[in-house]
Each structure stands twice: as C-alpha cells, then as structure tokens.
Amino acid sequence: MTHTLNSAVNQQRRYVSYHDDGLLDLLVGLAVLLSGLYMLVAGDIPLGGLWVVLWLPLWLSARKSIAARRLPDVEVSQERYAGKMRAGVFVVVALVLLVFAGLALLWGQSTGRVPESFLTGLQEYLTILLGLFVALVMAVAAWLSGLVRLFAYALLTAVVFVGGHFLNVPAALPVALVGGFIMLWSLVVFARFVRSHPQ
C-alpha cells in the first residue's frame, strides 16, 4: 500500500515537473500578447491561432531539447495522459464552436435573420462574454489535465475582461494584458524548472 502511494506521488511529481517547464505557456502568452497589440495598433483581429500553429514546431523542439533532456525518465501514466488529451480535445472543440458561432452571427447579420437589437446587445457585452468563455475553457482544461496554474489564468482572464468592460477600455487591451501576464509568468515557471532540474 505504501509503495503504491509513493509511486502515485512520484508519478504526480514527474507529471507536474514535465508540464511545468513553462514553454507552452510562453508560446501561448506571446501569441495572445502579439494579437492584443496588433488589435490595438491595426484595429483588426489577427490570426493569433495561426501563429500558435506556426510556432508549434519550435515548441516541440524546445521541449525535446530542454525538458526531455532534463527529465529523461519522465513516465506519464495512461490515466494522466488521457486527462491531458481530454483537455486538449476540449480546448480545440471549444475554439471551433466559438469560430462557428462567430460565422453564424456574421451570416445572420448579412441575411437579416438575427435581430439588430440582439447584435447591438452582444457587441455591448462582447468583452465580458469572450472573457468568461475563455476563462471557463481554461478552468475546465485545468480540471481535466490537473494543471493547477490554468485555474489562475482562468481567474485572471475573467477579472481582466470584466474589469475592462466596466472601465470601457478597448477589447484589445485585456487581450494584451492577459497575454503579457501569461508570458511573464511562464518565464518564472521556466526559470524555476531549470533551477530544479539542472542538466
């Protein structure tokens, strides 16, 4: 029994260590930050998701050369791997649904099937709705994957977006703030990872 508990604890430590290198957070935070800055300057919505896809090979290479080299004996149990996969699938599905919802609204606006009053109200509360949606997705992903810091990101996102709405700031500013915080925190996580797991 004691051996089983110790094995579970070690498995948890290896799992958390492997996924607490901060590299993915850095990639996502940088993409979100650049998206927000682009929105502030150009007044348009960039393809931030495309940036993540383009940087994905860089993240995989960095993880292999940095994290895997420092933790060569990492073994993630099937249960934890399944949780990580469920979180990833959930995030992708949520983003796809969000895109389809946006396309449906554009189609409804162009065809006149969606009332103008609804679109006006949606535009007025868009910052809050978007922030709460992203925060909910992060919270569920944190619950599925077991990565606690995602809960902090979710709370931060909700507070910043709701605050941005009531302060009547451009929607791009909360985006940039959240991305900047995630990027800065990822650097802290990465520095802690490097100190904890020297080569």
C-alpha atoms as a PDB file:
ATOM      1  CA  MET A   1       0.000   0.000   0.000  1.00  0.00           C
ATOM      2  CA  THR A   2       2.802   2.394   0.956  1.00  0.00           C
ATOM      3  CA  HIS A   3       4.674   1.509  -2.212  1.00  0.00           C
ATOM      4  CA  THR A   4       1.560   2.252  -4.267  1.00  0.00           C
ATOM      5  CA  LEU A   5       1.107   5.639  -2.597  1.00  0.00           C
ATOM      6  CA  ASN A   6       4.777   6.531  -3.092  1.00  0.00           C
ATOM      7  CA  SER A   7       4.541   5.500  -6.727  1.00  0.00           C
ATOM      8  CA  ALA A   8       1.473   7.694  -7.208  1.00  0.00           C
ATOM      9  CA  VAL A   9       3.216  10.648  -5.558  1.00  0.00           C
ATOM     10  CA  ASN A  10       6.298  10.211  -7.731  1.00  0.00           C
ATOM     11  CA  GLN A  11       4.103   9.926 -10.800  1.00  0.00           C
ATOM     12  CA  GLN A  12       2.377  13.169  -9.846  1.00  0.00           C
ATOM     13  CA  ARG A  13       5.720  14.942  -9.316  1.00  0.00           C
ATOM     14  CA  ARG A  14       7.104  13.745 -12.643  1.00  0.00           C
ATOM     15  CA  TYR A  15       3.908  14.742 -14.428  1.00  0.00           C
ATOM     16  CA  VAL A  16       3.791  18.215 -12.873  1.00  0.00           C
ATOM     17  CA  SER A  17       7.527  18.757 -13.444  1.00  0.00           C
ATOM     18  CA  TYR A  18       7.280  17.747 -17.081  1.00  0.00           C
ATOM     19  CA  HIS A  19       4.329  20.028 -17.749  1.00  0.00           C
ATOM     20  CA  ASP A  20       5.629  22.896 -15.628  1.00  0.00           C
ATOM     21  CA  ASP A  21       8.520  23.856 -17.869  1.00  0.00           C
ATOM     22  CA  GLY A  22       6.563  26.947 -18.955  1.00  0.00           C
ATOM     23  CA  LEU A  23       7.371  26.551 -22.640  1.00  0.00           C
ATOM     24  CA  LEU A  24       3.813  26.084 -23.855  1.00  0.00           C
ATOM     25  CA  ASP A  25       2.628  28.937 -21.633  1.00  0.00           C
ATOM     26  CA  LEU A  26       5.332  31.128 -23.151  1.00  0.00           C
ATOM     27  CA  LEU A  27       4.214  30.297 -26.677  1.00  0.00           C
ATOM     28  CA  VAL A  28       0.519  30.899 -25.960  1.00  0.00           C
ATOM     29  CA  GLY A  29       1.176  34.032 -23.910  1.00  0.00           C
ATOM     30  CA  LEU A  30       3.353  35.522 -26.630  1.00  0.00           C
ATOM     31  CA  ALA A  31       0.732  34.760 -29.305  1.00  0.00           C
ATOM     32  CA  VAL A  32      -2.041  36.336 -27.221  1.00  0.00           C
ATOM     33  CA  LEU A  33       0.102  39.362 -26.366  1.00  0.00           C
ATOM     34  CA  LEU A  34       1.020  39.977 -30.008  1.00  0.00           C
ATOM     35  CA  SER A  35      -2.619  39.513 -31.004  1.00  0.00           C
ATOM     36  CA  GLY A  36      -3.709  42.143 -28.486  1.00  0.00           C
ATOM     37  CA  LEU A  37      -1.006  44.582 -29.575  1.00  0.00           C
ATOM     38  CA  TYR A  38      -1.921  44.044 -33.219  1.00  0.00           C
ATOM     39  CA  MET A  39      -5.577  44.740 -32.395  1.00  0.00           C
ATOM     40  CA  LEU A  40      -4.602  47.945 -30.573  1.00  0.00           C
ATOM     41  CA  VAL A  41      -2.478  49.227 -33.447  1.00  0.00           C
ATOM     42  CA  ALA A  42      -4.367  47.979 -36.502  1.00  0.00           C
ATOM     43  CA  GLY A  43      -7.880  47.785 -35.067  1.00  0.00           C
ATOM     44  CA  ASP A  44      -8.309  44.366 -36.652  1.00  0.00           C
ATOM     45  CA  ILE A  45      -8.363  40.796 -35.339  1.00  0.00           C
ATOM     46  CA  PRO A  46      -5.228  38.834 -36.316  1.00  0.00           C
ATOM     47  CA  LEU A  47      -4.974  35.125 -36.870  1.00  0.00           C
ATOM     48  CA  GLY A  48      -3.395  34.516 -33.470  1.00  0.00           C
ATOM     49  CA  GLY A  49      -4.299  30.854 -33.633  1.00  0.00           C
ATOM     50  CA  LEU A  50      -2.294  30.584 -36.844  1.00  0.00           C
ATOM     51  CA  TRP A  51       0.748  31.976 -35.050  1.00  0.00           C
ATOM     52  CA  VAL A  52       0.469  29.198 -32.477  1.00  0.00           C
ATOM     53  CA  VAL A  53       0.351  26.608 -35.252  1.00  0.00           C
ATOM     54  CA  LEU A  54       3.397  28.141 -36.924  1.00  0.00           C
ATOM     55  CA  TRP A  55       5.314  28.169 -33.633  1.00  0.00           C
ATOM     56  CA  LEU A  56       4.279  24.644 -32.676  1.00  0.00           C
ATOM     57  CA  PRO A  57       7.401  23.022 -34.223  1.00  0.00           C
ATOM     58  CA  LEU A  58       9.553  25.467 -32.256  1.00  0.00           C
ATOM     59  CA  TRP A  59       7.797  24.496 -29.010  1.00  0.00           C
ATOM     60  CA  LEU A  60       8.173  20.778 -29.743  1.00  0.00           C
ATOM     61  CA  SER A  61      11.864  21.236 -30.489  1.00  0.00           C
ATOM     62  CA  ALA A  62      12.421  23.290 -27.322  1.00  0.00           C
ATOM     63  CA  ARG A  63      10.564  20.776 -25.180  1.00  0.00           C
ATOM     64  CA  LYS A  64      12.601  17.918 -26.598  1.00  0.00           C
ATOM     65  CA  SER A  65      15.947  19.672 -26.199  1.00  0.00           C
ATOM     66  CA  ILE A  66      15.246  21.299 -22.811  1.00  0.00           C
ATOM     67  CA  ALA A  67      12.560  19.473 -20.837  1.00  0.00           C
ATOM     68  CA  ALA A  68      13.081  15.923 -22.094  1.00  0.00           C
ATOM     69  CA  ARG A  69      16.860  16.199 -21.662  1.00  0.00           C
ATOM     70  CA  ARG A  70      16.497  17.365 -18.069  1.00  0.00           C
ATOM     71  CA  LEU A  71      13.855  14.743 -17.261  1.00  0.00           C
ATOM     72  CA  PRO A  72      14.817  11.717 -19.340  1.00  0.00           C
ATOM     73  CA  ASP A  73      12.927   9.315 -17.066  1.00  0.00           C
ATOM     74  CA  VAL A  74       9.541  11.009 -17.263  1.00  0.00           C
ATOM     75  CA  GLU A  75       6.760   8.458 -17.475  1.00  0.00           C
ATOM     76  CA  VAL A  76       3.208   9.759 -17.555  1.00  0.00           C
ATOM     77  CA  SER A  77       0.601   7.182 -16.624  1.00  0.00           C
ATOM     78  CA  GLN A  78      -2.144   6.341 -19.089  1.00  0.00           C
ATOM     79  CA  GLU A  79      -4.706   7.981 -16.825  1.00  0.00           C
ATOM     80  CA  ARG A  80      -2.838  11.291 -16.687  1.00  0.00           C
ATOM     81  CA  TYR A  81      -2.072  11.159 -20.395  1.00  0.00           C
ATOM     82  CA  ALA A  82      -5.774  10.608 -21.083  1.00  0.00           C
ATOM     83  CA  GLY A  83      -6.613  13.613 -18.914  1.00  0.00           C
ATOM     84  CA  LYS A  84      -4.179  15.759 -20.854  1.00  0.00           C
ATOM     85  CA  MET A  85      -5.633  14.556 -24.148  1.00  0.00           C
ATOM     86  CA  ARG A  86      -9.195  15.234 -22.982  1.00  0.00           C
ATOM     87  CA  ALA A  87      -8.187  18.756 -22.007  1.00  0.00           C
ATOM     88  CA  GLY A  88      -6.588  19.337 -25.404  1.00  0.00           C
ATOM     89  CA  VAL A  89      -9.594  17.997 -27.277  1.00  0.00           C
ATOM     90  CA  PHE A  90     -11.951  20.087 -25.149  1.00  0.00           C
ATOM     91  CA  VAL A  91      -9.994  23.285 -25.871  1.00  0.00           C
ATOM     92  CA  VAL A  92      -9.923  22.590 -29.620  1.00  0.00           C
ATOM     93  CA  VAL A  93     -13.652  21.792 -29.728  1.00  0.00           C
ATOM     94  CA  ALA A  94     -14.477  24.915 -27.704  1.00  0.00           C
ATOM     95  CA  LEU A  95     -12.449  27.123 -30.051  1.00  0.00           C
ATOM     96  CA  VAL A  96     -14.031  25.528 -33.127  1.00  0.00           C
ATOM     97  CA  LEU A  97     -17.510  26.112 -31.677  1.00  0.00           C
ATOM     98  CA  LEU A  98     -16.582  29.729 -30.959  1.00  0.00           C
ATOM     99  CA  VAL A  99     -15.454  30.219 -34.560  1.00  0.00           C
ATOM    100  CA  PHE A 100     -18.648  28.626 -35.902  1.00  0.00           C
ATOM    101  CA  ALA A 101     -20.739  30.795 -33.584  1.00  0.00           C
ATOM    102  CA  GLY A 102     -18.992  33.883 -34.950  1.00  0.00           C
ATOM    103  CA  LEU A 103     -19.531  32.759 -38.526  1.00  0.00           C
ATOM    104  CA  ALA A 104     -23.194  32.040 -37.782  1.00  0.00           C
ATOM    105  CA  LEU A 105     -23.636  35.533 -36.372  1.00  0.00           C
ATOM    106  CA  LEU A 106     -21.984  37.070 -39.425  1.00  0.00           C
ATOM    107  CA  TRP A 107     -24.259  35.037 -41.671  1.00  0.00           C
ATOM    108  CA  GLY A 108     -27.308  36.027 -39.633  1.00  0.00           C
ATOM    109  CA  GLN A 109     -26.321  39.676 -39.789  1.00  0.00           C
ATOM    110  CA  SER A 110     -25.797  39.623 -43.549  1.00  0.00           C
ATOM    111  CA  THR A 111     -29.095  37.841 -44.195  1.00  0.00           C
ATOM    112  CA  GLY A 112     -31.092  39.785 -41.641  1.00  0.00           C
ATOM    113  CA  ARG A 113     -32.074  36.646 -39.727  1.00  0.00           C
ATOM    114  CA  VAL A 114     -30.554  37.932 -36.478  1.00  0.00           C
ATOM    115  CA  PRO A 115     -32.297  40.995 -34.959  1.00  0.00           C
ATOM    116  CA  GLU A 116     -30.211  44.157 -34.808  1.00  0.00           C
ATOM    117  CA  SER A 117     -31.134  44.585 -31.147  1.00  0.00           C
ATOM    118  CA  PHE A 118     -29.520  41.227 -30.367  1.00  0.00           C
ATOM    119  CA  LEU A 119     -26.351  42.117 -32.261  1.00  0.00           C
ATOM    120  CA  THR A 120     -26.177  45.507 -30.536  1.00  0.00           C
ATOM    121  CA  GLY A 121     -26.516  43.910 -27.098  1.00  0.00           C
ATOM    122  CA  LEU A 122     -23.951  41.261 -27.995  1.00  0.00           C
ATOM    123  CA  GLN A 123     -21.479  43.882 -29.141  1.00  0.00           C
ATOM    124  CA  GLU A 124     -22.001  45.846 -25.931  1.00  0.00           C
ATOM    125  CA  TYR A 125     -21.190  42.849 -23.724  1.00  0.00           C
ATOM    126  CA  LEU A 126     -18.750  41.131 -26.079  1.00  0.00           C
ATOM    127  CA  THR A 127     -15.725  41.756 -23.854  1.00  0.00           C
ATOM    128  CA  ILE A 128     -17.385  40.172 -20.824  1.00  0.00           C
ATOM    129  CA  LEU A 129     -18.783  37.229 -22.782  1.00  0.00           C
ATOM    130  CA  LEU A 130     -15.481  36.493 -24.502  1.00  0.00           C
ATOM    131  CA  GLY A 131     -13.526  36.750 -21.267  1.00  0.00           C
ATOM    132  CA  LEU A 132     -15.900  34.481 -19.359  1.00  0.00           C
ATOM    133  CA  PHE A 133     -15.913  31.962 -22.205  1.00  0.00           C
ATOM    134  CA  VAL A 134     -12.114  31.783 -22.312  1.00  0.00           C
ATOM    135  CA  ALA A 135     -11.954  31.622 -18.508  1.00  0.00           C
ATOM    136  CA  LEU A 136     -14.449  28.743 -18.466  1.00  0.00           C
ATOM    137  CA  VAL A 137     -12.473  26.851 -21.114  1.00  0.00           C
ATOM    138  CA  MET A 138      -9.265  27.320 -19.101  1.00  0.00           C
ATOM    139  CA  ALA A 139     -10.928  26.189 -15.863  1.00  0.00           C
ATOM    140  CA  VAL A 140     -12.320  23.026 -17.447  1.00  0.00           C
ATOM    141  CA  ALA A 141      -8.947  22.308 -19.100  1.00  0.00           C
ATOM    142  CA  ALA A 142      -7.277  22.736 -15.705  1.00  0.00           C
ATOM    143  CA  TRP A 143      -9.714  20.303 -14.137  1.00  0.00           C
ATOM    144  CA  LEU A 144      -9.231  17.730 -16.895  1.00  0.00           C
ATOM    145  CA  SER A 145      -5.437  17.978 -17.061  1.00  0.00           C
ATOM    146  CA  GLY A 146      -4.633  18.595 -13.406  1.00  0.00           C
ATOM    147  CA  LEU A 147      -2.541  21.686 -14.187  1.00  0.00           C
ATOM    148  CA  VAL A 148      -3.473  23.996 -11.336  1.00  0.00           C
ATOM    149  CA  ARG A 149      -1.950  27.154 -12.801  1.00  0.00           C
ATOM    150  CA  LEU A 150      -4.611  27.121 -15.508  1.00  0.00           C
ATOM    151  CA  PHE A 151      -7.128  27.970 -12.781  1.00  0.00           C
ATOM    152  CA  ALA A 152      -5.094  31.109 -12.030  1.00  0.00           C
ATOM    153  CA  TYR A 153      -5.069  32.004 -15.729  1.00  0.00           C
ATOM    154  CA  ALA A 154      -8.836  31.499 -15.848  1.00  0.00           C
ATOM    155  CA  LEU A 155      -9.429  33.747 -12.853  1.00  0.00           C
ATOM    156  CA  LEU A 156      -7.104  36.409 -14.242  1.00  0.00           C
ATOM    157  CA  THR A 157      -8.841  36.319 -17.627  1.00  0.00           C
ATOM    158  CA  ALA A 158     -12.289  36.710 -16.082  1.00  0.00           C
ATOM    159  CA  VAL A 159     -11.219  39.606 -13.830  1.00  0.00           C
ATOM    160  CA  VAL A 160      -9.317  41.483 -16.562  1.00  0.00           C
ATOM    161  CA  PHE A 161     -12.047  41.166 -19.194  1.00  0.00           C
ATOM    162  CA  VAL A 162     -14.889  42.055 -16.824  1.00  0.00           C
ATOM    163  CA  GLY A 163     -12.856  44.960 -15.475  1.00  0.00           C
ATOM    164  CA  GLY A 164     -12.046  46.088 -18.995  1.00  0.00           C
ATOM    165  CA  HIS A 165     -15.738  46.178 -19.851  1.00  0.00           C
ATOM    166  CA  PHE A 166     -16.700  48.325 -16.882  1.00  0.00           C
ATOM    167  CA  LEU A 167     -13.690  50.608 -17.420  1.00  0.00           C
ATOM    168  CA  ASN A 168     -14.758  50.952 -21.057  1.00  0.00           C
ATOM    169  CA  VAL A 169     -11.304  50.186 -22.461  1.00  0.00           C
ATOM    170  CA  PRO A 170     -10.717  48.740 -25.944  1.00  0.00           C
ATOM    171  CA  ALA A 171     -11.244  44.969 -26.077  1.00  0.00           C
ATOM    172  CA  ALA A 172      -7.669  44.567 -27.321  1.00  0.00           C
ATOM    173  CA  LEU A 173      -6.222  45.859 -24.047  1.00  0.00           C
ATOM    174  CA  PRO A 174      -7.475  42.970 -21.848  1.00  0.00           C
ATOM    175  CA  VAL A 175      -6.218  40.551 -24.506  1.00  0.00           C
ATOM    176  CA  ALA A 176      -2.743  42.089 -24.394  1.00  0.00           C
ATOM    177  CA  LEU A 177      -2.715  42.204 -20.579  1.00  0.00           C
ATOM    178  CA  VAL A 178      -3.672  38.549 -20.218  1.00  0.00           C
ATOM    179  CA  GLY A 179      -1.111  37.505 -22.829  1.00  0.00           C
ATOM    180  CA  GLY A 180       1.595  39.595 -21.169  1.00  0.00           C
ATOM    181  CA  PHE A 181       0.876  38.127 -17.734  1.00  0.00           C
ATOM    182  CA  ILE A 182       0.914  34.556 -19.035  1.00  0.00           C
ATOM    183  CA  MET A 183       4.180  35.184 -20.862  1.00  0.00           C
ATOM    184  CA  LEU A 184       5.862  36.759 -17.820  1.00  0.00           C
ATOM    185  CA  TRP A 185       4.649  34.015 -15.503  1.00  0.00           C
ATOM    186  CA  SER A 186       5.834  31.366 -17.966  1.00  0.00           C
ATOM    187  CA  LEU A 187       9.332  32.840 -17.737  1.00  0.00           C
ATOM    188  CA  VAL A 188       9.159  32.478 -13.946  1.00  0.00           C
ATOM    189  CA  VAL A 189       7.979  28.872 -14.322  1.00  0.00           C
ATOM    190  CA  PHE A 190      10.729  28.129 -16.839  1.00  0.00           C
ATOM    191  CA  ALA A 191      13.440  29.631 -14.621  1.00  0.00           C
ATOM    192  CA  ARG A 192      12.167  27.570 -11.678  1.00  0.00           C
ATOM    193  CA  PHE A 193      12.128  24.446 -13.856  1.00  0.00           C
ATOM    194  CA  VAL A 194      15.729  24.998 -14.982  1.00  0.00           C
ATOM    195  CA  ARG A 195      16.915  25.521 -11.398  1.00  0.00           C
ATOM    196  CA  SER A 196      15.028  22.460 -10.138  1.00  0.00           C
ATOM    197  CA  HIS A 197      16.260  20.204 -12.951  1.00  0.00           C
ATOM    198  CA  PRO A 198      19.845  21.099 -13.875  1.00  0.00           C
ATOM    199  CA  GLN A 199      21.496  19.121 -16.637  1.00  0.00           C
END
